[in-house]
PDB file of N, CA and C in Angstrom:
ATOM      1  N   UNK A   1     -26.229  91.942  -1.289  1.00  0.00           N
ATOM      2  CA  UNK A   1     -26.768  91.115  -2.338  1.00  0.00           C
ATOM      3  C   UNK A   1     -26.184  89.705  -2.295  1.00  0.00           C
ATOM      4  N   UNK A   2     -24.961  89.576  -2.836  1.00  0.00           N
ATOM      5  CA  UNK A   2     -24.336  88.263  -2.847  1.00  0.00           C
ATOM      6  C   UNK A   2     -23.357  88.154  -1.692  1.00  0.00           C
ATOM      7  N   UNK A   3     -23.329  87.016  -1.094  1.00  0.00           N
ATOM      8  CA  UNK A   3     -22.406  86.785   0.004  1.00  0.00           C
ATOM      9  C   UNK A   3     -21.074  86.318  -0.593  1.00  0.00           C
ATOM     10  N   UNK A   4     -20.027  87.108  -0.422  1.00  0.00           N
ATOM     11  CA  UNK A   4     -18.712  86.811  -0.992  1.00  0.00           C
ATOM     12  C   UNK A   4     -18.165  85.508  -0.418  1.00  0.00           C
ATOM     13  N   UNK A   5     -18.391  85.242   0.819  1.00  0.00           N
ATOM     14  CA  UNK A   5     -17.884  84.021   1.447  1.00  0.00           C
ATOM     15  C   UNK A   5     -18.520  82.786   0.798  1.00  0.00           C
ATOM     16  N   UNK A   6     -19.815  82.853   0.490  1.00  0.00           N
ATOM     17  CA  UNK A   6     -20.482  81.729  -0.165  1.00  0.00           C
ATOM     18  C   UNK A   6     -19.954  81.529  -1.577  1.00  0.00           C
ATOM     19  N   UNK A   7     -19.701  82.647  -2.273  1.00  0.00           N
ATOM     20  CA  UNK A   7     -19.155  82.544  -3.616  1.00  0.00           C
ATOM     21  C   UNK A   7     -17.751  81.936  -3.598  1.00  0.00           C
ATOM     22  N   UNK A   8     -16.947  82.371  -2.664  1.00  0.00           N
ATOM     23  CA  UNK A   8     -15.586  81.833  -2.546  1.00  0.00           C
ATOM     24  C   UNK A   8     -15.628  80.338  -2.224  1.00  0.00           C
ATOM     25  N   UNK A   9     -16.540  79.955  -1.361  1.00  0.00           N
ATOM     26  CA  UNK A   9     -16.670  78.532  -1.022  1.00  0.00           C
ATOM     27  C   UNK A   9     -17.095  77.714  -2.243  1.00  0.00           C
ATOM     28  N   UNK A  10     -18.038  78.233  -3.024  1.00  0.00           N
ATOM     29  CA  UNK A  10     -18.484  77.551  -4.238  1.00  0.00           C
ATOM     30  C   UNK A  10     -17.308  77.353  -5.198  1.00  0.00           C
ATOM     31  N   UNK A  11     -16.526  78.387  -5.378  1.00  0.00           N
ATOM     32  CA  UNK A  11     -15.384  78.300  -6.283  1.00  0.00           C
ATOM     33  C   UNK A  11     -14.369  77.281  -5.781  1.00  0.00           C
ATOM     34  N   UNK A  12     -14.008  77.354  -4.513  1.00  0.00           N
ATOM     35  CA  UNK A  12     -12.988  76.459  -3.950  1.00  0.00           C
ATOM     36  C   UNK A  12     -13.466  75.021  -3.820  1.00  0.00           C
ATOM     37  N   UNK A  13     -14.703  74.832  -3.445  1.00  0.00           N
ATOM     38  CA  UNK A  13     -15.203  73.485  -3.164  1.00  0.00           C
ATOM     39  C   UNK A  13     -15.716  72.760  -4.401  1.00  0.00           C
ATOM     40  N   UNK A  14     -16.172  73.498  -5.404  1.00  0.00           N
ATOM     41  CA  UNK A  14     -16.800  72.834  -6.544  1.00  0.00           C
ATOM     42  C   UNK A  14     -16.146  73.180  -7.882  1.00  0.00           C
ATOM     43  N   UNK A  15     -16.070  74.455  -8.200  1.00  0.00           N
ATOM     44  CA  UNK A  15     -15.628  74.854  -9.530  1.00  0.00           C
ATOM     45  C   UNK A  15     -14.156  74.523  -9.795  1.00  0.00           C
ATOM     46  N   UNK A  16     -13.264  74.818  -8.880  1.00  0.00           N
ATOM     47  CA  UNK A  16     -11.842  74.520  -9.086  1.00  0.00           C
ATOM     48  C   UNK A  16     -11.563  73.016  -9.201  1.00  0.00           C
ATOM     49  N   UNK A  17     -12.117  72.167  -8.314  1.00  0.00           N
ATOM     50  CA  UNK A  17     -11.879  70.725  -8.497  1.00  0.00           C
ATOM     51  C   UNK A  17     -12.415  70.192  -9.823  1.00  0.00           C
ATOM     52  N   UNK A  18     -13.565  70.697 -10.268  1.00  0.00           N
ATOM     53  CA  UNK A  18     -14.109  70.261 -11.556  1.00  0.00           C
ATOM     54  C   UNK A  18     -13.203  70.694 -12.698  1.00  0.00           C
ATOM     55  N   UNK A  19     -12.697  71.903 -12.649  1.00  0.00           N
ATOM     56  CA  UNK A  19     -11.795  72.392 -13.692  1.00  0.00           C
ATOM     57  C   UNK A  19     -10.506  71.577 -13.708  1.00  0.00           C
ATOM     58  N   UNK A  20      -9.968  71.244 -12.540  1.00  0.00           N
ATOM     59  CA  UNK A  20      -8.738  70.432 -12.481  1.00  0.00           C
ATOM     60  C   UNK A  20      -8.950  69.067 -13.132  1.00  0.00           C
ATOM     61  N   UNK A  21     -10.085  68.443 -12.851  1.00  0.00           N
ATOM     62  CA  UNK A  21     -10.369  67.140 -13.462  1.00  0.00           C
ATOM     63  C   UNK A  21     -10.494  67.251 -14.971  1.00  0.00           C
ATOM     64  N   UNK A  22     -11.184  68.282 -15.425  1.00  0.00           N
ATOM     65  CA  UNK A  22     -11.389  68.449 -16.864  1.00  0.00           C
ATOM     66  C   UNK A  22     -10.072  68.707 -17.583  1.00  0.00           C
ATOM     67  N   UNK A  23      -9.235  69.563 -17.025  1.00  0.00           N
ATOM     68  CA  UNK A  23      -7.962  69.868 -17.672  1.00  0.00           C
ATOM     69  C   UNK A  23      -6.986  68.707 -17.560  1.00  0.00           C
ATOM     70  N   UNK A  24      -7.013  67.973 -16.485  1.00  0.00           N
ATOM     71  CA  UNK A  24      -6.116  66.828 -16.341  1.00  0.00           C
ATOM     72  C   UNK A  24      -6.429  65.776 -17.389  1.00  0.00           C
ATOM     73  N   UNK A  25      -7.698  65.564 -17.668  1.00  0.00           N
ATOM     74  CA  UNK A  25      -8.118  64.588 -18.680  1.00  0.00           C
ATOM     75  C   UNK A  25      -7.600  64.994 -20.046  1.00  0.00           C
ATOM     76  N   UNK A  26      -7.654  66.276 -20.341  1.00  0.00           N
ATOM     77  CA  UNK A  26      -7.229  66.760 -21.658  1.00  0.00           C
ATOM     78  C   UNK A  26      -5.710  66.850 -21.782  1.00  0.00           C
ATOM     79  N   UNK A  27      -5.001  66.891 -20.677  1.00  0.00           N
ATOM     80  CA  UNK A  27      -3.547  67.059 -20.708  1.00  0.00           C
ATOM     81  C   UNK A  27      -2.823  65.786 -21.127  1.00  0.00           C
ATOM     82  N   UNK A  28      -3.418  64.654 -20.907  1.00  0.00           N
ATOM     83  CA  UNK A  28      -2.780  63.372 -21.229  1.00  0.00           C
ATOM     84  C   UNK A  28      -3.306  62.862 -22.569  1.00  0.00           C
ATOM     85  N   UNK A  29      -2.416  62.430 -23.462  1.00  0.00           N
ATOM     86  CA  UNK A  29      -2.881  61.898 -24.751  1.00  0.00           C
ATOM     87  C   UNK A  29      -3.818  60.701 -24.562  1.00  0.00           C
ATOM     88  N   UNK A  30      -4.784  60.604 -25.448  1.00  0.00           N
ATOM     89  CA  UNK A  30      -5.766  59.525 -25.377  1.00  0.00           C
ATOM     90  C   UNK A  30      -5.089  58.162 -25.448  1.00  0.00           C
ATOM     91  N   UNK A  31      -4.061  58.032 -26.287  1.00  0.00           N
ATOM     92  CA  UNK A  31      -3.389  56.734 -26.418  1.00  0.00           C
ATOM     93  C   UNK A  31      -2.751  56.316 -25.096  1.00  0.00           C
ATOM     94  N   UNK A  32      -2.234  57.273 -24.323  1.00  0.00           N
ATOM     95  CA  UNK A  32      -1.641  56.943 -23.022  1.00  0.00           C
ATOM     96  C   UNK A  32      -2.707  56.498 -22.022  1.00  0.00           C
ATOM     97  N   UNK A  33      -3.856  57.189 -22.026  1.00  0.00           N
ATOM     98  CA  UNK A  33      -4.952  56.781 -21.123  1.00  0.00           C
ATOM     99  C   UNK A  33      -5.431  55.379 -21.459  1.00  0.00           C
ATOM    100  N   UNK A  34      -5.578  55.102 -22.773  1.00  0.00           N
ATOM    101  CA  UNK A  34      -6.047  53.778 -23.183  1.00  0.00           C
ATOM    102  C   UNK A  34      -4.991  52.705 -22.909  1.00  0.00           C
ATOM    103  N   UNK A  35      -3.727  53.054 -23.063  1.00  0.00           N
ATOM    104  CA  UNK A  35      -2.660  52.089 -22.769  1.00  0.00           C
ATOM    105  C   UNK A  35      -2.667  51.732 -21.285  1.00  0.00           C
ATOM    106  N   UNK A  36      -2.872  52.722 -20.422  1.00  0.00           N
ATOM    107  CA  UNK A  36      -2.934  52.439 -18.982  1.00  0.00           C
ATOM    108  C   UNK A  36      -4.141  51.559 -18.668  1.00  0.00           C
ATOM    109  N   UNK A  37      -5.257  51.830 -19.332  1.00  0.00           N
ATOM    110  CA  UNK A  37      -6.458  51.008 -19.133  1.00  0.00           C
ATOM    111  C   UNK A  37      -6.199  49.568 -19.601  1.00  0.00           C
ATOM    112  N   UNK A  38      -5.545  49.431 -20.754  1.00  0.00           N
ATOM    113  CA  UNK A  38      -5.236  48.096 -21.286  1.00  0.00           C
ATOM    114  C   UNK A  38      -4.276  47.355 -20.366  1.00  0.00           C
ATOM    115  N   UNK A  39      -3.278  48.047 -19.833  1.00  0.00           N
ATOM    116  CA  UNK A  39      -2.346  47.407 -18.891  1.00  0.00           C
ATOM    117  C   UNK A  39      -3.101  46.891 -17.662  1.00  0.00           C
ATOM    118  N   UNK A  40      -4.061  47.658 -17.190  1.00  0.00           N
ATOM    119  CA  UNK A  40      -4.877  47.215 -16.059  1.00  0.00           C
ATOM    120  C   UNK A  40      -5.691  45.974 -16.396  1.00  0.00           C
ATOM    121  N   UNK A  41      -6.215  45.922 -17.608  1.00  0.00           N
ATOM    122  CA  UNK A  41      -6.991  44.756 -18.039  1.00  0.00           C
ATOM    123  C   UNK A  41      -6.080  43.525 -18.121  1.00  0.00           C
ATOM    124  N   UNK A  42      -4.892  43.709 -18.651  1.00  0.00           N
ATOM    125  CA  UNK A  42      -3.942  42.593 -18.759  1.00  0.00           C
ATOM    126  C   UNK A  42      -3.635  42.031 -17.380  1.00  0.00           C
ATOM    127  N   UNK A  43      -3.390  42.921 -16.403  1.00  0.00           N
ATOM    128  CA  UNK A  43      -3.124  42.456 -15.028  1.00  0.00           C
ATOM    129  C   UNK A  43      -4.365  41.794 -14.438  1.00  0.00           C
ATOM    130  N   UNK A  44      -5.517  42.415 -14.639  1.00  0.00           N
ATOM    131  CA  UNK A  44      -6.783  41.883 -14.103  1.00  0.00           C
ATOM    132  C   UNK A  44      -7.070  40.480 -14.640  1.00  0.00           C
ATOM    133  N   UNK A  45      -6.838  40.267 -15.927  1.00  0.00           N
ATOM    134  CA  UNK A  45      -7.105  38.979 -16.563  1.00  0.00           C
ATOM    135  C   UNK A  45      -5.984  37.965 -16.302  1.00  0.00           C
ATOM    136  N   UNK A  46      -4.827  38.452 -15.856  1.00  0.00           N
ATOM    137  CA  UNK A  46      -3.696  37.559 -15.601  1.00  0.00           C
ATOM    138  C   UNK A  46      -3.066  37.027 -16.884  1.00  0.00           C
ATOM    139  N   UNK A  47      -3.195  37.774 -17.968  1.00  0.00           N
ATOM    140  CA  UNK A  47      -2.677  37.322 -19.260  1.00  0.00           C
ATOM    141  C   UNK A  47      -1.153  37.394 -19.301  1.00  0.00           C
ATOM    142  N   UNK A  48      -0.533  36.331 -19.817  1.00  0.00           N
ATOM    143  CA  UNK A  48       0.898  36.336 -20.117  1.00  0.00           C
ATOM    144  C   UNK A  48       1.086  36.435 -21.623  1.00  0.00           C
ATOM    145  N   UNK A  49       0.035  36.156 -22.352  1.00  0.00           N
ATOM    146  CA  UNK A  49      -0.060  36.427 -23.785  1.00  0.00           C
ATOM    147  C   UNK A  49      -1.543  36.606 -24.081  1.00  0.00           C
ATOM    148  N   UNK A  50      -1.812  37.351 -25.133  1.00  0.00           N
ATOM    149  CA  UNK A  50      -3.205  37.616 -25.483  1.00  0.00           C
ATOM    150  C   UNK A  50      -3.270  38.019 -26.947  1.00  0.00           C
ATOM    151  N   UNK A  51      -4.467  37.980 -27.477  1.00  0.00           N
ATOM    152  CA  UNK A  51      -4.692  38.458 -28.844  1.00  0.00           C
ATOM    153  C   UNK A  51      -5.522  39.736 -28.783  1.00  0.00           C
ATOM    154  N   UNK A  52      -5.421  40.511 -29.848  1.00  0.00           N
ATOM    155  CA  UNK A  52      -6.227  41.729 -29.929  1.00  0.00           C
ATOM    156  C   UNK A  52      -7.711  41.371 -29.872  1.00  0.00           C
ATOM    157  N   UNK A  53      -8.062  40.250 -30.441  1.00  0.00           N
ATOM    158  CA  UNK A  53      -9.470  39.830 -30.436  1.00  0.00           C
ATOM    159  C   UNK A  53      -9.981  39.576 -29.016  1.00  0.00           C
ATOM    160  N   UNK A  54      -9.128  39.010 -28.149  1.00  0.00           N
ATOM    161  CA  UNK A  54      -9.543  38.783 -26.757  1.00  0.00           C
ATOM    162  C   UNK A  54      -9.894  40.107 -26.082  1.00  0.00           C
ATOM    163  N   UNK A  55      -9.099  41.128 -26.335  1.00  0.00           N
ATOM    164  CA  UNK A  55      -9.362  42.436 -25.736  1.00  0.00           C
ATOM    165  C   UNK A  55     -10.673  42.995 -26.279  1.00  0.00           C
ATOM    166  N   UNK A  56     -10.860  42.921 -27.585  1.00  0.00           N
ATOM    167  CA  UNK A  56     -12.082  43.452 -28.185  1.00  0.00           C
ATOM    168  C   UNK A  56     -13.326  42.724 -27.674  1.00  0.00           C
ATOM    169  N   UNK A  57     -13.206  41.432 -27.427  1.00  0.00           N
ATOM    170  CA  UNK A  57     -14.362  40.660 -26.933  1.00  0.00           C
ATOM    171  C   UNK A  57     -14.779  41.064 -25.524  1.00  0.00           C
ATOM    172  N   UNK A  58     -13.858  41.636 -24.750  1.00  0.00           N
ATOM    173  CA  UNK A  58     -14.218  42.100 -23.410  1.00  0.00           C
ATOM    174  C   UNK A  58     -15.160  43.305 -23.478  1.00  0.00           C
ATOM    175  N   UNK A  59     -15.148  44.001 -24.618  1.00  0.00           N
ATOM    176  CA  UNK A  59     -16.037  45.136 -24.872  1.00  0.00           C
ATOM    177  C   UNK A  59     -15.940  46.198 -23.773  1.00  0.00           C
ATOM    178  N   UNK A  60     -14.699  46.561 -23.423  1.00  0.00           N
ATOM    179  CA  UNK A  60     -14.482  47.583 -22.405  1.00  0.00           C
ATOM    180  C   UNK A  60     -14.558  48.973 -23.038  1.00  0.00           C
ATOM    181  N   UNK A  61     -15.089  49.933 -22.305  1.00  0.00           N
ATOM    182  CA  UNK A  61     -15.192  51.298 -22.844  1.00  0.00           C
ATOM    183  C   UNK A  61     -13.820  51.821 -23.293  1.00  0.00           C
ATOM    184  N   UNK A  62     -13.776  52.374 -24.488  1.00  0.00           N
ATOM    185  CA  UNK A  62     -12.545  52.927 -25.014  1.00  0.00           C
ATOM    186  C   UNK A  62     -11.651  51.912 -25.686  1.00  0.00           C
ATOM    187  N   UNK A  63     -11.877  50.642 -25.448  1.00  0.00           N
ATOM    188  CA  UNK A  63     -11.056  49.587 -26.046  1.00  0.00           C
ATOM    189  C   UNK A  63     -11.926  48.558 -26.766  1.00  0.00           C
ATOM    190  N   UNK A  64     -13.040  49.012 -27.288  1.00  0.00           N
ATOM    191  CA  UNK A  64     -13.971  48.079 -27.923  1.00  0.00           C
ATOM    192  C   UNK A  64     -13.998  48.211 -29.442  1.00  0.00           C
ATOM    193  N   UNK A  65     -13.002  48.918 -30.009  1.00  0.00           N
ATOM    194  CA  UNK A  65     -12.886  48.988 -31.460  1.00  0.00           C
ATOM    195  C   UNK A  65     -11.410  48.941 -31.840  1.00  0.00           C
ATOM    196  N   UNK A  66     -11.143  48.462 -33.036  1.00  0.00           N
ATOM    197  CA  UNK A  66      -9.772  48.358 -33.513  1.00  0.00           C
ATOM    198  C   UNK A  66      -9.100  49.732 -33.549  1.00  0.00           C
ATOM    199  N   UNK A  67      -9.851  50.752 -33.921  1.00  0.00           N
ATOM    200  CA  UNK A  67      -9.314  52.105 -34.000  1.00  0.00           C
ATOM    201  C   UNK A  67      -8.839  52.647 -32.659  1.00  0.00           C
ATOM    202  N   UNK A  68      -9.493  52.245 -31.581  1.00  0.00           N
ATOM    203  CA  UNK A  68      -9.071  52.666 -30.247  1.00  0.00           C
ATOM    204  C   UNK A  68      -8.005  51.738 -29.676  1.00  0.00           C
ATOM    205  N   UNK A  69      -8.086  50.461 -29.998  1.00  0.00           N
ATOM    206  CA  UNK A  69      -7.157  49.487 -29.435  1.00  0.00           C
ATOM    207  C   UNK A  69      -5.755  49.626 -30.008  1.00  0.00           C
ATOM    208  N   UNK A  70      -5.650  49.888 -31.300  1.00  0.00           N
ATOM    209  CA  UNK A  70      -4.332  49.937 -31.948  1.00  0.00           C
ATOM    210  C   UNK A  70      -3.379  50.952 -31.316  1.00  0.00           C
ATOM    211  N   UNK A  71      -3.800  52.198 -31.022  1.00  0.00           N
ATOM    212  CA  UNK A  71      -2.871  53.132 -30.375  1.00  0.00           C
ATOM    213  C   UNK A  71      -2.453  52.675 -28.971  1.00  0.00           C
ATOM    214  N   UNK A  72      -3.361  52.028 -28.246  1.00  0.00           N
ATOM    215  CA  UNK A  72      -3.025  51.528 -26.915  1.00  0.00           C
ATOM    216  C   UNK A  72      -1.993  50.410 -27.010  1.00  0.00           C
ATOM    217  N   UNK A  73      -2.177  49.509 -27.970  1.00  0.00           N
ATOM    218  CA  UNK A  73      -1.207  48.439 -28.179  1.00  0.00           C
ATOM    219  C   UNK A  73       0.156  49.010 -28.572  1.00  0.00           C
ATOM    220  N   UNK A  74       0.144  50.010 -29.453  1.00  0.00           N
ATOM    221  CA  UNK A  74       1.403  50.631 -29.892  1.00  0.00           C
ATOM    222  C   UNK A  74       2.122  51.302 -28.724  1.00  0.00           C
ATOM    223  N   UNK A  75       1.373  51.959 -27.856  1.00  0.00           N
ATOM    224  CA  UNK A  75       1.980  52.623 -26.698  1.00  0.00           C
ATOM    225  C   UNK A  75       2.599  51.604 -25.749  1.00  0.00           C
ATOM    226  N   UNK A  76       1.915  50.478 -25.515  1.00  0.00           N
ATOM    227  CA  UNK A  76       2.479  49.447 -24.649  1.00  0.00           C
ATOM    228  C   UNK A  76       3.681  48.770 -25.289  1.00  0.00           C
ATOM    229  N   UNK A  77       3.662  48.635 -26.617  1.00  0.00           N
ATOM    230  CA  UNK A  77       4.839  48.089 -27.309  1.00  0.00           C
ATOM    231  C   UNK A  77       6.016  49.048 -27.199  1.00  0.00           C
ATOM    232  N   UNK A  78       5.759  50.332 -27.375  1.00  0.00           N
ATOM    233  CA  UNK A  78       6.828  51.334 -27.247  1.00  0.00           C
ATOM    234  C   UNK A  78       7.431  51.326 -25.845  1.00  0.00           C
ATOM    235  N   UNK A  79       6.607  51.083 -24.852  1.00  0.00           N
ATOM    236  CA  UNK A  79       7.067  51.023 -23.469  1.00  0.00           C
ATOM    237  C   UNK A  79       7.632  49.673 -23.076  1.00  0.00           C
ATOM    238  N   UNK A  80       7.709  48.759 -24.031  1.00  0.00           N
ATOM    239  CA  UNK A  80       8.238  47.408 -23.829  1.00  0.00           C
ATOM    240  C   UNK A  80       7.479  46.620 -22.757  1.00  0.00           C
ATOM    241  N   UNK A  81       6.176  46.904 -22.658  1.00  0.00           N
ATOM    242  CA  UNK A  81       5.311  46.144 -21.750  1.00  0.00           C
ATOM    243  C   UNK A  81       4.775  44.899 -22.440  1.00  0.00           C
ATOM    244  N   UNK A  82       4.605  44.996 -23.756  1.00  0.00           N
ATOM    245  CA  UNK A  82       4.159  43.863 -24.561  1.00  0.00           C
ATOM    246  C   UNK A  82       5.001  43.840 -25.830  1.00  0.00           C
ATOM    247  N   UNK A  83       4.991  42.702 -26.507  1.00  0.00           N
ATOM    248  CA  UNK A  83       5.636  42.636 -27.815  1.00  0.00           C
ATOM    249  C   UNK A  83       4.827  41.713 -28.703  1.00  0.00           C
ATOM    250  N   UNK A  84       4.764  42.085 -29.962  1.00  0.00           N
ATOM    251  CA  UNK A  84       4.035  41.277 -30.936  1.00  0.00           C
ATOM    252  C   UNK A  84       4.842  40.013 -31.222  1.00  0.00           C
ATOM    253  N   UNK A  85       4.158  38.892 -31.275  1.00  0.00           N
ATOM    254  CA  UNK A  85       4.801  37.626 -31.624  1.00  0.00           C
ATOM    255  C   UNK A  85       4.037  37.010 -32.793  1.00  0.00           C
ATOM    256  N   UNK A  86       4.737  36.182 -33.533  1.00  0.00           N
ATOM    257  CA  UNK A  86       4.090  35.547 -34.676  1.00  0.00           C
ATOM    258  C   UNK A  86       3.146  34.458 -34.175  1.00  0.00           C
ATOM    259  N   UNK A  87       1.910  34.579 -34.569  1.00  0.00           N
ATOM    260  CA  UNK A  87       0.900  33.617 -34.148  1.00  0.00           C
ATOM    261  C   UNK A  87       0.964  32.388 -35.053  1.00  0.00           C
ATOM    262  N   UNK A  88       0.667  31.215 -34.503  1.00  0.00           N
ATOM    263  CA  UNK A  88       0.616  30.029 -35.356  1.00  0.00           C
ATOM    264  C   UNK A  88      -0.482  30.194 -36.399  1.00  0.00           C
ATOM    265  N   UNK A  89      -0.297  29.625 -37.575  1.00  0.00           N
ATOM    266  CA  UNK A  89      -1.318  29.777 -38.615  1.00  0.00           C
ATOM    267  C   UNK A  89      -2.645  29.155 -38.186  1.00  0.00           C
ATOM    268  N   UNK A  90      -3.703  29.793 -38.599  1.00  0.00           N
ATOM    269  CA  UNK A  90      -5.034  29.305 -38.297  1.00  0.00           C
ATOM    270  C   UNK A  90      -5.342  28.142 -39.243  1.00  0.00           C
ATOM    271  N   UNK A  91      -5.655  26.944 -38.710  1.00  0.00           N
ATOM    272  CA  UNK A  91      -5.920  25.804 -39.594  1.00  0.00           C
ATOM    273  C   UNK A  91      -7.139  26.012 -40.497  1.00  0.00           C
ATOM    274  N   UNK A  92      -8.040  26.894 -40.091  1.00  0.00           N
ATOM    275  CA  UNK A  92      -9.229  27.153 -40.894  1.00  0.00           C
ATOM    276  C   UNK A  92      -8.980  28.255 -41.928  1.00  0.00           C
ATOM    277  N   UNK A  93      -7.769  28.790 -41.944  1.00  0.00           N
ATOM    278  CA  UNK A  93      -7.467  29.881 -42.864  1.00  0.00           C
ATOM    279  C   UNK A  93      -7.886  31.202 -42.270  1.00  0.00           C
ATOM    280  N   UNK A  94      -7.998  32.200 -43.086  1.00  0.00           N
ATOM    281  CA  UNK A  94      -8.422  33.506 -42.609  1.00  0.00           C
ATOM    282  C   UNK A  94      -7.248  34.367 -42.179  1.00  0.00           C
ATOM    283  N   UNK A  95      -7.589  35.491 -41.631  1.00  0.00           N
ATOM    284  CA  UNK A  95      -6.608  36.472 -41.211  1.00  0.00           C
ATOM    285  C   UNK A  95      -5.813  35.945 -40.012  1.00  0.00           C
ATOM    286  N   UNK A  96      -4.493  36.167 -39.986  1.00  0.00           N
ATOM    287  CA  UNK A  96      -3.712  35.712 -38.832  1.00  0.00           C
ATOM    288  C   UNK A  96      -4.053  36.533 -37.584  1.00  0.00           C
ATOM    289  N   UNK A  97      -3.940  35.895 -36.444  1.00  0.00           N
ATOM    290  CA  UNK A  97      -4.215  36.572 -35.179  1.00  0.00           C
ATOM    291  C   UNK A  97      -3.103  37.550 -34.858  1.00  0.00           C
ATOM    292  N   UNK A  98      -3.470  38.613 -34.150  1.00  0.00           N
ATOM    293  CA  UNK A  98      -2.461  39.535 -33.628  1.00  0.00           C
ATOM    294  C   UNK A  98      -2.202  39.118 -32.192  1.00  0.00           C
ATOM    295  N   UNK A  99      -1.093  38.401 -31.993  1.00  0.00           N
ATOM    296  CA  UNK A  99      -0.747  37.819 -30.699  1.00  0.00           C
ATOM    297  C   UNK A  99       0.336  38.666 -30.046  1.00  0.00           C
ATOM    298  N   UNK A 100       0.209  38.867 -28.748  1.00  0.00           N
ATOM    299  CA  UNK A 100       1.160  39.674 -27.988  1.00  0.00           C
ATOM    300  C   UNK A 100       1.620  38.902 -26.759  1.00  0.00           C
ATOM    301  N   UNK A 101       2.914  38.992 -26.477  1.00  0.00           N
ATOM    302  CA  UNK A 101       3.482  38.436 -25.250  1.00  0.00           C
ATOM    303  C   UNK A 101       3.603  39.580 -24.248  1.00  0.00           C
ATOM    304  N   UNK A 102       3.303  39.290 -22.999  1.00  0.00           N
ATOM    305  CA  UNK A 102       3.310  40.299 -21.945  1.00  0.00           C
ATOM    306  C   UNK A 102       4.611  40.191 -21.169  1.00  0.00           C
ATOM    307  N   UNK A 103       5.236  41.324 -20.931  1.00  0.00           N
ATOM    308  CA  UNK A 103       6.446  41.361 -20.115  1.00  0.00           C
ATOM    309  C   UNK A 103       6.073  40.999 -18.675  1.00  0.00           C
ATOM    310  N   UNK A 104       6.858  40.133 -18.032  1.00  0.00           N
ATOM    311  CA  UNK A 104       6.562  39.801 -16.638  1.00  0.00           C
ATOM    312  C   UNK A 104       6.584  41.037 -15.723  1.00  0.00           C
ATOM    313  N   UNK A 105       7.345  42.047 -16.105  1.00  0.00           N
ATOM    314  CA  UNK A 105       7.421  43.269 -15.291  1.00  0.00           C
ATOM    315  C   UNK A 105       6.063  43.961 -15.199  1.00  0.00           C
ATOM    316  N   UNK A 106       5.227  43.806 -16.194  1.00  0.00           N
ATOM    317  CA  UNK A 106       3.910  44.438 -16.177  1.00  0.00           C
ATOM    318  C   UNK A 106       3.061  43.911 -15.027  1.00  0.00           C
ATOM    319  N   UNK A 107       3.230  42.642 -14.702  1.00  0.00           N
ATOM    320  CA  UNK A 107       2.447  42.055 -13.617  1.00  0.00           C
ATOM    321  C   UNK A 107       2.992  42.441 -12.241  1.00  0.00           C
ATOM    322  N   UNK A 108       4.250  42.859 -12.191  1.00  0.00           N
ATOM    323  CA  UNK A 108       4.840  43.258 -10.910  1.00  0.00           C
ATOM    324  C   UNK A 108       4.536  44.706 -10.554  1.00  0.00           C
ATOM    325  N   UNK A 109       4.188  45.512 -11.549  1.00  0.00           N
ATOM    326  CA  UNK A 109       3.925  46.933 -11.333  1.00  0.00           C
ATOM    327  C   UNK A 109       2.551  47.097 -10.725  1.00  0.00           C
ATOM    328  N   UNK A 110       2.467  47.931  -9.696  1.00  0.00           N
ATOM    329  CA  UNK A 110       1.170  48.215  -9.084  1.00  0.00           C
ATOM    330  C   UNK A 110       0.529  49.388  -9.817  1.00  0.00           C
ATOM    331  N   UNK A 111      -0.789  49.323 -10.084  1.00  0.00           N
ATOM    332  CA  UNK A 111      -1.474  50.414 -10.802  1.00  0.00           C
ATOM    333  C   UNK A 111      -1.444  51.718 -10.056  1.00  0.00           C
TER     334      UNK A 111
END
């Protein structure tokens, strides 16, 4: 009826690699995945300082809302890759910018 060799090949070649990818994605906290993505964007853009608004304007998947961006920023701050700095007051008034300075070490690290 069924060829055992074909079934074994299907499992080894397709099902196991798919399961590994699915479980690997779930094993890492979302904030860590987003922080790694944000670090890549910082290197890609060559930023030595940036605002949260600049990141949101890029409209990148997973980092296009404040709710997703905040945990990524917190993770990078905890890892001392970035630090919040006081932004100069906006002459037009309004909410102050969330400005971050980038550690030079972040640009030296290869992804």
